[in-house]
Amino acid sequence: MLPTGRTIEEEDLPLSALLARIRKLVPRSDDQHYDEIVRSFGVGTLRPPPTPMTDGELARAIAEFLKERPSSESVAALGRRLDPTSGV
């Protein structure tokens, strides 16, 4: 725990750290999903959460994304989970 009462995972993290957390949640068998997440952050379709997400929140968002094939619709749904203000 940090002095603020939050965990390290909940502190603001750079995109590389967020992608490392996501990589742990996406099985290697779903590499196309992970590649789509990386690409979407690269082109600006996905944005990091404006407020930190807990591991549980992130895991639920990724699990929902993994249920479908990577597509503009599934990326948009993930984008809304990561940043509800994104308007994706």
N, C-alpha and C. Protein backbone atom coordinates (compact mmCIF):
# COMPACT_ATOMS: atom_id res chain seq x y z
N MET A 1 0.85 -1.18 0.00
CA MET A 1 0.00 0.00 0.00
C MET A 1 0.89 1.24 0.00
N LEU A 2 0.40 2.25 -0.66
CA LEU A 2 1.08 3.53 -0.71
C LEU A 2 0.52 4.43 0.39
N PRO A 3 1.21 5.53 0.69
CA PRO A 3 0.72 6.42 1.74
C PRO A 3 -0.70 6.92 1.50
N THR A 4 -1.12 6.99 0.26
CA THR A 4 -2.46 7.45 -0.06
C THR A 4 -3.52 6.39 0.21
N GLY A 5 -3.09 5.18 0.59
CA GLY A 5 -4.01 4.09 0.82
C GLY A 5 -4.32 3.29 -0.43
N ARG A 6 -3.70 3.68 -1.55
CA ARG A 6 -3.90 2.98 -2.81
C ARG A 6 -2.75 2.02 -3.04
N THR A 7 -2.97 1.04 -3.90
CA THR A 7 -1.90 0.11 -4.24
C THR A 7 -1.11 0.67 -5.41
N ILE A 8 0.05 0.10 -5.64
CA ILE A 8 0.89 0.54 -6.75
C ILE A 8 0.12 0.40 -8.06
N GLU A 9 -0.65 -0.67 -8.23
CA GLU A 9 -1.40 -0.88 -9.47
C GLU A 9 -2.39 0.24 -9.73
N GLU A 10 -2.85 0.91 -8.67
CA GLU A 10 -3.85 1.94 -8.83
C GLU A 10 -3.24 3.32 -9.09
N GLU A 11 -1.95 3.47 -8.96
CA GLU A 11 -1.31 4.74 -9.23
C GLU A 11 -1.23 4.94 -10.74
N ASP A 12 -1.12 6.22 -11.14
CA ASP A 12 -1.00 6.51 -12.56
C ASP A 12 0.23 5.82 -13.13
N LEU A 13 0.04 5.08 -14.21
CA LEU A 13 1.12 4.34 -14.82
C LEU A 13 1.28 4.77 -16.27
N PRO A 14 2.50 4.77 -16.77
CA PRO A 14 2.67 5.06 -18.20
C PRO A 14 2.06 3.94 -19.03
N LEU A 15 1.85 4.23 -20.31
CA LEU A 15 1.23 3.26 -21.20
C LEU A 15 1.98 1.93 -21.22
N SER A 16 3.30 1.98 -21.17
CA SER A 16 4.07 0.74 -21.18
C SER A 16 3.74 -0.14 -19.98
N ALA A 17 3.52 0.48 -18.83
CA ALA A 17 3.16 -0.28 -17.64
C ALA A 17 1.74 -0.84 -17.76
N LEU A 18 0.83 -0.06 -18.35
CA LEU A 18 -0.52 -0.56 -18.56
C LEU A 18 -0.51 -1.74 -19.52
N LEU A 19 0.29 -1.63 -20.59
CA LEU A 19 0.39 -2.75 -21.54
C LEU A 19 1.01 -3.98 -20.89
N ALA A 20 1.95 -3.79 -19.98
CA ALA A 20 2.54 -4.93 -19.27
C ALA A 20 1.48 -5.62 -18.41
N ARG A 21 0.63 -4.83 -17.77
CA ARG A 21 -0.45 -5.41 -16.97
C ARG A 21 -1.42 -6.17 -17.87
N ILE A 22 -1.75 -5.58 -19.03
CA ILE A 22 -2.66 -6.24 -19.97
C ILE A 22 -2.04 -7.51 -20.51
N ARG A 23 -0.75 -7.48 -20.82
CA ARG A 23 -0.06 -8.67 -21.35
C ARG A 23 -0.20 -9.85 -20.40
N LYS A 24 -0.18 -9.59 -19.10
CA LYS A 24 -0.33 -10.66 -18.11
C LYS A 24 -1.73 -11.26 -18.14
N LEU A 25 -2.71 -10.49 -18.62
CA LEU A 25 -4.10 -10.94 -18.61
C LEU A 25 -4.53 -11.60 -19.92
N VAL A 26 -3.75 -11.41 -20.98
CA VAL A 26 -4.11 -11.97 -22.28
C VAL A 26 -3.26 -13.21 -22.53
N PRO A 27 -3.89 -14.37 -22.61
CA PRO A 27 -3.12 -15.60 -22.87
C PRO A 27 -2.40 -15.52 -24.21
N ARG A 28 -1.27 -16.18 -24.31
CA ARG A 28 -0.50 -16.18 -25.57
C ARG A 28 -1.34 -16.71 -26.73
N SER A 29 -2.30 -17.56 -26.43
CA SER A 29 -3.16 -18.08 -27.50
C SER A 29 -4.05 -16.99 -28.09
N ASP A 30 -4.16 -15.87 -27.40
CA ASP A 30 -4.98 -14.75 -27.88
C ASP A 30 -4.10 -13.57 -28.29
N ASP A 31 -2.94 -13.87 -28.87
CA ASP A 31 -2.02 -12.80 -29.26
C ASP A 31 -2.64 -11.80 -30.22
N GLN A 32 -3.58 -12.24 -31.07
CA GLN A 32 -4.20 -11.29 -31.99
C GLN A 32 -4.97 -10.23 -31.21
N HIS A 33 -5.54 -10.61 -30.08
CA HIS A 33 -6.23 -9.64 -29.23
C HIS A 33 -5.23 -8.64 -28.65
N TYR A 34 -4.12 -9.16 -28.14
CA TYR A 34 -3.11 -8.27 -27.56
C TYR A 34 -2.55 -7.35 -28.64
N ASP A 35 -2.26 -7.88 -29.80
CA ASP A 35 -1.73 -7.05 -30.89
C ASP A 35 -2.72 -5.94 -31.26
N GLU A 36 -4.00 -6.26 -31.25
CA GLU A 36 -5.02 -5.25 -31.57
C GLU A 36 -5.08 -4.17 -30.49
N ILE A 37 -4.89 -4.56 -29.24
CA ILE A 37 -4.86 -3.58 -28.16
C ILE A 37 -3.68 -2.64 -28.35
N VAL A 38 -2.50 -3.20 -28.60
CA VAL A 38 -1.30 -2.37 -28.81
C VAL A 38 -1.51 -1.44 -29.99
N ARG A 39 -2.01 -1.97 -31.10
CA ARG A 39 -2.24 -1.15 -32.30
C ARG A 39 -3.24 -0.03 -31.99
N SER A 40 -4.29 -0.35 -31.26
CA SER A 40 -5.32 0.63 -30.96
C SER A 40 -4.80 1.76 -30.07
N PHE A 41 -3.93 1.43 -29.13
CA PHE A 41 -3.30 2.50 -28.35
C PHE A 41 -2.40 3.34 -29.24
N GLY A 42 -1.70 2.68 -30.17
CA GLY A 42 -0.78 3.38 -31.06
C GLY A 42 -1.46 4.38 -31.97
N VAL A 43 -2.64 4.04 -32.47
CA VAL A 43 -3.35 4.94 -33.38
C VAL A 43 -4.32 5.86 -32.66
N GLY A 44 -4.44 5.70 -31.35
CA GLY A 44 -5.29 6.59 -30.57
C GLY A 44 -6.74 6.15 -30.42
N THR A 45 -7.07 4.95 -30.91
CA THR A 45 -8.42 4.43 -30.74
C THR A 45 -8.69 4.14 -29.27
N LEU A 46 -7.68 3.60 -28.58
CA LEU A 46 -7.77 3.37 -27.14
C LEU A 46 -6.93 4.41 -26.42
N ARG A 47 -7.43 4.82 -25.28
CA ARG A 47 -6.68 5.74 -24.42
C ARG A 47 -6.56 5.12 -23.04
N PRO A 48 -5.46 5.40 -22.36
CA PRO A 48 -5.34 4.89 -20.99
C PRO A 48 -6.47 5.45 -20.13
N PRO A 49 -6.84 4.71 -19.11
CA PRO A 49 -7.91 5.19 -18.22
C PRO A 49 -7.55 6.54 -17.60
N PRO A 50 -8.51 7.47 -17.52
CA PRO A 50 -8.22 8.77 -16.90
C PRO A 50 -7.97 8.64 -15.40
N THR A 51 -8.56 7.63 -14.81
CA THR A 51 -8.29 7.32 -13.40
C THR A 51 -7.80 5.88 -13.35
N PRO A 52 -6.92 5.56 -12.45
CA PRO A 52 -6.35 4.21 -12.38
C PRO A 52 -7.42 3.14 -12.20
N MET A 53 -7.18 2.01 -12.83
CA MET A 53 -8.06 0.85 -12.69
C MET A 53 -7.40 -0.16 -11.77
N THR A 54 -8.20 -0.82 -10.96
CA THR A 54 -7.66 -1.90 -10.15
C THR A 54 -7.38 -3.09 -11.07
N ASP A 55 -6.62 -4.05 -10.57
CA ASP A 55 -6.36 -5.26 -11.34
C ASP A 55 -7.67 -5.97 -11.68
N GLY A 56 -8.60 -5.99 -10.75
CA GLY A 56 -9.89 -6.64 -10.98
C GLY A 56 -10.69 -5.96 -12.09
N GLU A 57 -10.74 -4.64 -12.06
CA GLU A 57 -11.45 -3.90 -13.10
C GLU A 57 -10.82 -4.15 -14.47
N LEU A 58 -9.50 -4.10 -14.53
CA LEU A 58 -8.80 -4.32 -15.78
C LEU A 58 -9.02 -5.75 -16.26
N ALA A 59 -8.96 -6.72 -15.36
CA ALA A 59 -9.17 -8.12 -15.72
C ALA A 59 -10.56 -8.34 -16.29
N ARG A 60 -11.57 -7.71 -15.70
CA ARG A 60 -12.94 -7.86 -16.22
C ARG A 60 -13.07 -7.24 -17.61
N ALA A 61 -12.46 -6.09 -17.82
CA ALA A 61 -12.51 -5.44 -19.13
C ALA A 61 -11.83 -6.29 -20.19
N ILE A 62 -10.68 -6.85 -19.86
CA ILE A 62 -9.94 -7.68 -20.82
C ILE A 62 -10.70 -8.99 -21.07
N ALA A 63 -11.25 -9.60 -20.03
CA ALA A 63 -12.01 -10.84 -20.22
C ALA A 63 -13.18 -10.62 -21.16
N GLU A 64 -13.86 -9.50 -21.03
CA GLU A 64 -14.97 -9.18 -21.92
C GLU A 64 -14.46 -9.01 -23.36
N PHE A 65 -13.32 -8.35 -23.52
CA PHE A 65 -12.74 -8.15 -24.86
C PHE A 65 -12.35 -9.48 -25.50
N LEU A 66 -11.85 -10.41 -24.70
CA LEU A 66 -11.40 -11.70 -25.23
C LEU A 66 -12.55 -12.60 -25.69
N LYS A 67 -13.78 -12.29 -25.29
CA LYS A 67 -14.92 -13.12 -25.67
C LYS A 67 -15.24 -13.01 -27.16
N GLU A 68 -14.83 -11.92 -27.79
CA GLU A 68 -15.13 -11.68 -29.19
C GLU A 68 -13.86 -11.62 -30.01
N ARG A 69 -14.01 -11.74 -31.31
CA ARG A 69 -12.86 -11.54 -32.20
C ARG A 69 -12.49 -10.06 -32.16
N PRO A 70 -11.21 -9.74 -32.30
CA PRO A 70 -10.83 -8.32 -32.36
C PRO A 70 -11.51 -7.65 -33.55
N SER A 71 -12.19 -6.56 -33.29
CA SER A 71 -12.88 -5.81 -34.33
C SER A 71 -13.03 -4.37 -33.85
N SER A 72 -13.49 -3.51 -34.72
CA SER A 72 -13.68 -2.13 -34.30
C SER A 72 -14.72 -2.05 -33.18
N GLU A 73 -15.72 -2.93 -33.23
CA GLU A 73 -16.76 -2.93 -32.18
C GLU A 73 -16.20 -3.42 -30.84
N SER A 74 -15.40 -4.48 -30.87
CA SER A 74 -14.85 -5.00 -29.61
C SER A 74 -13.83 -4.03 -29.03
N VAL A 75 -13.06 -3.37 -29.90
CA VAL A 75 -12.11 -2.35 -29.42
C VAL A 75 -12.87 -1.17 -28.82
N ALA A 76 -13.96 -0.77 -29.47
CA ALA A 76 -14.76 0.34 -28.93
C ALA A 76 -15.34 -0.02 -27.56
N ALA A 77 -15.80 -1.26 -27.41
CA ALA A 77 -16.33 -1.69 -26.11
C ALA A 77 -15.24 -1.66 -25.05
N LEU A 78 -14.04 -2.13 -25.41
CA LEU A 78 -12.92 -2.07 -24.47
C LEU A 78 -12.58 -0.62 -24.16
N GLY A 79 -12.60 0.23 -25.16
CA GLY A 79 -12.31 1.64 -24.95
C GLY A 79 -13.27 2.29 -23.97
N ARG A 80 -14.53 1.93 -24.06
CA ARG A 80 -15.53 2.48 -23.12
C ARG A 80 -15.29 1.97 -21.71
N ARG A 81 -14.78 0.74 -21.58
CA ARG A 81 -14.48 0.21 -20.25
C ARG A 81 -13.26 0.91 -19.66
N LEU A 82 -12.25 1.17 -20.51
CA LEU A 82 -11.04 1.82 -20.02
C LEU A 82 -11.27 3.29 -19.72
N ASP A 83 -12.05 3.95 -20.59
CA ASP A 83 -12.28 5.38 -20.44
C ASP A 83 -13.73 5.69 -20.82
N PRO A 84 -14.63 5.66 -19.86
CA PRO A 84 -16.05 5.90 -20.16
C PRO A 84 -16.32 7.26 -20.79
N THR A 85 -15.41 8.20 -20.68
CA THR A 85 -15.59 9.52 -21.27
C THR A 85 -15.08 9.59 -22.70
N SER A 86 -14.54 8.49 -23.23
CA SER A 86 -13.88 8.52 -24.53
C SER A 86 -14.83 8.76 -25.69
N GLY A 87 -16.07 8.36 -25.58
CA GLY A 87 -17.01 8.53 -26.68
C GLY A 87 -16.75 7.59 -27.84
N VAL A 88 -15.92 6.57 -27.64
CA VAL A 88 -15.62 5.61 -28.71
C VAL A 88 -16.83 4.78 -29.02
